[in-house]
Amino acid sequence: MQTQQSYFPFQSQSQPQPQNLAGPNIRTVAVVGQQFCAPYPIELTVQKKVISFSGGDFNVLDSNGNLFLSVDGRVLSLRDKRILRDQQGNLLLTMKKKLLSLHETWEAYRGEGTKQENLIFTAGKSTLFQLRTSLNVYLGNNSHSDFKVKGSFFERSCTIYQGRTVIAEMRRKYTVSQVLMGRDTFTVTVYPGVDYAFIVALVVILDEINKETREREAAAVA
């Protein structure tokens, strides 16, 4: 993995800086903020809330069940907007579906609102028709992809790459209670030095795109 500096330094001190337990050689991939990069692997559970007006609300828990991040939909905008917050409820990102895009594409902006100068990254399908979902991720206004998200068949897992280097992995959990309650749950492994807030945002966007694809296919069959 090549050394990455923080593209968009985040100034909030609401998240504690992790203690560097792995020595000085950890290379960071900071997109949302340096403070979301831990020098050790992080295992997160991304759990859809049972009661959700927008259908896109999640809690993000650490391995001890503590709330790390949360995602909520904007009720008035319903499907086209998601908000990422830290554990204190501070707004980190606004994720918005891009209108009139040939490929299904979402944009992530720092803070509230969608001003172009606050654009952090764009994620969208690499091709229009796919057997398995693959996303290209562009930082800022870059024209060449900086990251890739490659999903598996049946949407059970995905791998996130920077170049050829794996930086995070997601797998979907299936239990009887989760299926009966309609609660989607993902286990996300974030590699050392990688921005876990950025990874969670990508997982949420992937879930939104997959959900829209399923609904469109179901409507075509009906």
Protein backbone atom coordinates (compact mmCIF):
# COMPACT_ATOMS: atom_id res chain seq x y z
CA MET A 1 0.00 0.00 0.00
CA GLN A 2 1.35 3.37 -0.89
CA THR A 3 1.53 6.11 1.67
CA GLN A 4 -1.59 8.24 1.65
CA GLN A 5 -1.89 11.58 3.30
CA SER A 6 -5.20 12.86 4.58
CA TYR A 7 -6.88 14.28 1.49
CA PHE A 8 -9.45 16.23 3.47
CA PRO A 9 -8.23 16.91 7.04
CA PHE A 10 -11.09 16.74 9.51
CA GLN A 11 -10.81 19.19 12.37
CA SER A 12 -13.32 17.85 14.91
CA GLN A 13 -11.85 16.52 18.14
CA SER A 14 -14.98 14.57 19.09
CA GLN A 15 -13.32 11.24 18.25
CA PRO A 16 -10.30 10.33 20.41
CA GLN A 17 -7.04 9.71 18.60
CA PRO A 18 -6.21 5.97 18.80
CA GLN A 19 -3.05 5.03 20.62
CA ASN A 20 -0.38 3.87 18.18
CA LEU A 21 0.08 0.26 19.24
CA ALA A 22 1.65 -0.91 15.99
CA GLY A 23 4.67 1.34 15.79
CA PRO A 24 5.52 4.19 13.40
CA ASN A 25 5.35 2.20 10.13
CA ILE A 26 1.56 2.17 9.71
CA ARG A 27 0.56 3.88 6.47
CA THR A 28 -2.76 5.65 6.71
CA VAL A 29 -5.59 5.92 4.20
CA ALA A 30 -7.48 8.93 5.55
CA VAL A 31 -10.47 10.21 3.57
CA VAL A 32 -13.08 11.37 6.09
CA GLY A 33 -10.42 12.10 8.70
CA GLN A 34 -7.15 10.97 10.23
CA GLN A 35 -8.86 10.38 13.58
CA PHE A 36 -10.81 7.49 12.05
CA CYS A 37 -7.59 5.59 11.21
CA ALA A 38 -6.53 3.09 13.87
CA PRO A 39 -3.07 1.42 13.81
CA TYR A 40 -4.68 -2.01 14.26
CA PRO A 41 -7.48 -3.95 12.53
CA ILE A 42 -11.01 -2.91 13.50
CA GLU A 43 -13.98 -5.27 13.42
CA LEU A 44 -17.30 -3.46 13.08
CA THR A 45 -20.92 -4.58 12.94
CA VAL A 46 -23.14 -2.50 10.67
CA GLN A 47 -26.72 -3.20 11.75
CA LYS A 48 -29.87 -1.88 10.12
CA LYS A 49 -32.30 -0.34 12.60
CA VAL A 50 -35.58 -2.23 13.03
CA ILE A 51 -37.70 0.94 12.83
CA SER A 52 -36.65 3.12 9.90
CA PHE A 53 -38.86 5.50 7.93
CA SER A 54 -36.36 5.75 5.09
CA GLY A 55 -35.15 2.13 5.10
CA GLY A 56 -31.51 3.24 5.24
CA ASP A 57 -30.79 3.73 8.95
CA PHE A 58 -27.87 1.85 10.53
CA ASN A 59 -25.97 1.61 13.80
CA VAL A 60 -22.25 0.83 13.60
CA LEU A 61 -20.93 -1.07 16.63
CA ASP A 62 -17.46 -2.15 17.69
CA SER A 63 -16.59 -5.68 18.84
CA ASN A 64 -17.83 -4.85 22.36
CA GLY A 65 -21.20 -3.58 21.15
CA ASN A 66 -20.36 0.10 21.67
CA LEU A 67 -21.80 2.62 19.21
CA PHE A 68 -19.08 3.90 16.87
CA LEU A 69 -21.06 5.59 14.10
CA SER A 70 -24.65 5.86 12.92
CA VAL A 71 -26.36 6.37 9.58
CA ASP A 72 -29.79 7.89 9.18
CA GLY A 73 -31.95 8.69 6.19
CA ARG A 74 -33.62 12.04 5.73
CA VAL A 75 -37.35 11.36 6.03
CA LEU A 76 -38.36 14.08 3.59
CA SER A 77 -35.84 12.98 0.97
CA LEU A 78 -36.58 9.29 1.62
CA ARG A 79 -34.33 7.22 -0.63
CA ASP A 80 -31.88 9.71 -2.05
CA LYS A 81 -29.93 10.89 1.01
CA ARG A 82 -28.06 9.33 3.95
CA ILE A 83 -26.29 11.03 6.88
CA LEU A 84 -23.21 9.61 8.64
CA ARG A 85 -22.70 10.69 12.27
CA ASP A 86 -20.02 10.02 14.87
CA GLN A 87 -20.76 8.49 18.27
CA GLN A 88 -21.63 11.90 19.72
CA GLY A 89 -24.16 12.51 16.95
CA ASN A 90 -22.02 15.05 15.08
CA LEU A 91 -22.72 15.09 11.35
CA LEU A 92 -19.73 13.83 9.35
CA LEU A 93 -20.98 13.13 5.83
CA THR A 94 -24.01 13.72 3.66
CA MET A 95 -24.37 10.95 1.07
CA LYS A 96 -26.66 11.76 -1.83
CA LYS A 97 -27.74 9.83 -4.89
CA LYS A 98 -26.64 11.61 -8.05
CA LEU A 99 -29.56 12.42 -10.31
CA LEU A 100 -29.55 11.81 -14.06
CA SER A 101 -26.51 9.54 -13.90
CA LEU A 102 -26.10 6.76 -16.47
CA HIS A 103 -24.60 4.49 -13.83
CA GLU A 104 -26.02 4.35 -10.32
CA THR A 105 -23.85 6.89 -8.51
CA TRP A 106 -23.70 8.40 -5.02
CA GLU A 107 -21.74 11.44 -3.84
CA ALA A 108 -20.42 12.08 -0.31
CA TYR A 109 -20.00 15.61 1.04
CA ARG A 110 -18.38 16.84 4.22
CA GLY A 111 -20.90 18.03 6.81
CA GLU A 112 -24.42 19.07 5.96
CA GLY A 113 -25.45 20.08 2.48
CA THR A 114 -24.15 19.24 -0.96
CA LYS A 115 -21.99 22.17 -2.03
CA GLN A 116 -19.48 21.15 -4.67
CA GLU A 117 -16.50 22.46 -2.68
CA ASN A 118 -17.38 19.99 0.10
CA LEU A 119 -17.40 16.93 -2.19
CA ILE A 120 -15.17 14.22 -0.69
CA PHE A 121 -15.76 11.26 -2.96
CA THR A 122 -18.06 9.78 -5.61
CA ALA A 123 -18.92 6.07 -5.84
CA GLY A 124 -20.77 4.46 -8.71
CA LYS A 125 -21.15 1.29 -10.74
CA SER A 126 -18.25 0.70 -13.10
CA THR A 127 -20.63 -0.61 -15.80
CA LEU A 128 -24.37 -0.42 -16.32
CA PHE A 129 -25.01 -4.18 -16.40
CA GLN A 130 -23.22 -6.37 -13.86
CA LEU A 131 -23.50 -9.95 -12.63
CA ARG A 132 -21.92 -8.80 -9.38
CA THR A 133 -21.80 -5.23 -8.16
CA SER A 134 -18.52 -3.40 -8.71
CA LEU A 135 -18.05 0.25 -7.76
CA ASN A 136 -15.41 2.77 -8.74
CA VAL A 137 -14.59 5.37 -6.08
CA TYR A 138 -13.17 8.78 -6.99
CA LEU A 139 -11.75 11.23 -4.45
CA GLY A 140 -12.83 14.83 -5.00
CA ASN A 141 -13.03 15.59 -8.70
CA ASN A 142 -10.51 12.94 -9.79
CA SER A 143 -11.19 11.37 -13.18
CA HIS A 144 -9.42 8.08 -12.40
CA SER A 145 -10.70 5.79 -9.65
CA ASP A 146 -8.77 5.81 -6.37
CA PHE A 147 -10.54 2.80 -4.83
CA LYS A 148 -12.67 -0.12 -6.00
CA VAL A 149 -15.45 -2.05 -4.28
CA LYS A 150 -15.96 -5.57 -5.64
CA GLY A 151 -19.04 -7.46 -4.53
CA SER A 152 -19.69 -11.19 -4.62
CA PHE A 153 -22.56 -13.11 -6.16
CA PHE A 154 -25.79 -12.85 -4.12
CA GLU A 155 -24.39 -9.75 -2.36
CA ARG A 156 -23.03 -11.77 0.56
CA SER A 157 -19.68 -10.02 0.75
CA CYS A 158 -17.49 -7.34 -0.78
CA THR A 159 -13.82 -6.42 -0.82
CA ILE A 160 -12.51 -2.85 -0.97
CA TYR A 161 -9.23 -2.15 -2.74
CA GLN A 162 -6.76 0.68 -3.06
CA GLY A 163 -5.00 -0.32 -6.26
CA ARG A 164 -4.37 -4.05 -5.81
CA THR A 165 -4.20 -3.81 -2.03
CA VAL A 166 -7.14 -4.97 0.08
CA ILE A 167 -8.00 -2.33 2.69
CA ALA A 168 -11.33 -3.67 4.03
CA GLU A 169 -13.76 -6.57 3.71
CA MET A 170 -17.48 -6.91 4.38
CA ARG A 171 -19.65 -9.99 4.77
CA ARG A 172 -23.37 -10.16 5.35
CA LYS A 173 -24.75 -12.03 8.37
CA TYR A 174 -27.84 -14.19 8.06
CA THR A 175 -29.75 -15.40 11.12
CA VAL A 176 -33.37 -16.45 11.53
CA SER A 177 -34.20 -13.49 13.79
CA GLN A 178 -32.60 -11.00 11.41
CA VAL A 179 -34.55 -12.37 8.44
CA LEU A 180 -37.85 -12.35 10.35
CA MET A 181 -37.30 -8.79 11.58
CA GLY A 182 -36.01 -7.52 8.25
CA ARG A 183 -32.75 -6.42 9.87
CA ASP A 184 -29.69 -6.51 7.62
CA THR A 185 -26.40 -6.95 9.45
CA PHE A 186 -22.88 -6.72 8.03
CA THR A 187 -19.53 -7.57 9.59
CA VAL A 188 -16.83 -5.20 8.37
CA THR A 189 -13.09 -5.73 8.84
CA VAL A 190 -11.06 -2.53 8.39
CA TYR A 191 -7.33 -3.00 7.94
CA PRO A 192 -4.74 -1.06 10.02
CA GLY A 193 -4.38 2.59 9.09
CA VAL A 194 -7.57 2.68 7.00
CA ASP A 195 -10.31 5.25 7.61
CA TYR A 196 -13.21 3.24 9.06
CA ALA A 197 -15.73 6.08 8.58
CA PHE A 198 -14.92 6.04 4.85
CA ILE A 199 -15.33 2.26 4.71
CA VAL A 200 -18.71 2.39 6.47
CA ALA A 201 -19.90 5.03 3.99
CA LEU A 202 -18.93 2.75 1.09
CA VAL A 203 -20.76 -0.21 2.63
CA VAL A 204 -23.91 1.90 3.03
CA ILE A 205 -23.72 3.13 -0.57
CA LEU A 206 -23.19 -0.42 -1.84
CA ASP A 207 -26.24 -1.57 0.12
CA GLU A 208 -28.34 1.24 -1.37
CA ILE A 209 -27.28 0.41 -4.93
CA ASN A 210 -27.89 -3.31 -4.42
CA LYS A 211 -31.32 -2.61 -2.94
CA GLU A 212 -32.32 -0.44 -5.89
CA THR A 213 -31.12 -3.13 -8.30
CA ARG A 214 -33.20 -5.82 -6.56
CA GLU A 215 -36.31 -3.65 -6.56
CA ARG A 216 -35.90 -2.76 -10.22
CA GLU A 217 -35.49 -6.42 -11.17
CA ALA A 218 -38.54 -7.40 -9.09
CA ALA A 219 -40.63 -4.71 -10.78
CA ALA A 220 -39.56 -5.96 -14.21
CA VAL A 221 -40.69 -9.50 -13.37
CA ALA A 222 -44.03 -8.42 -11.86
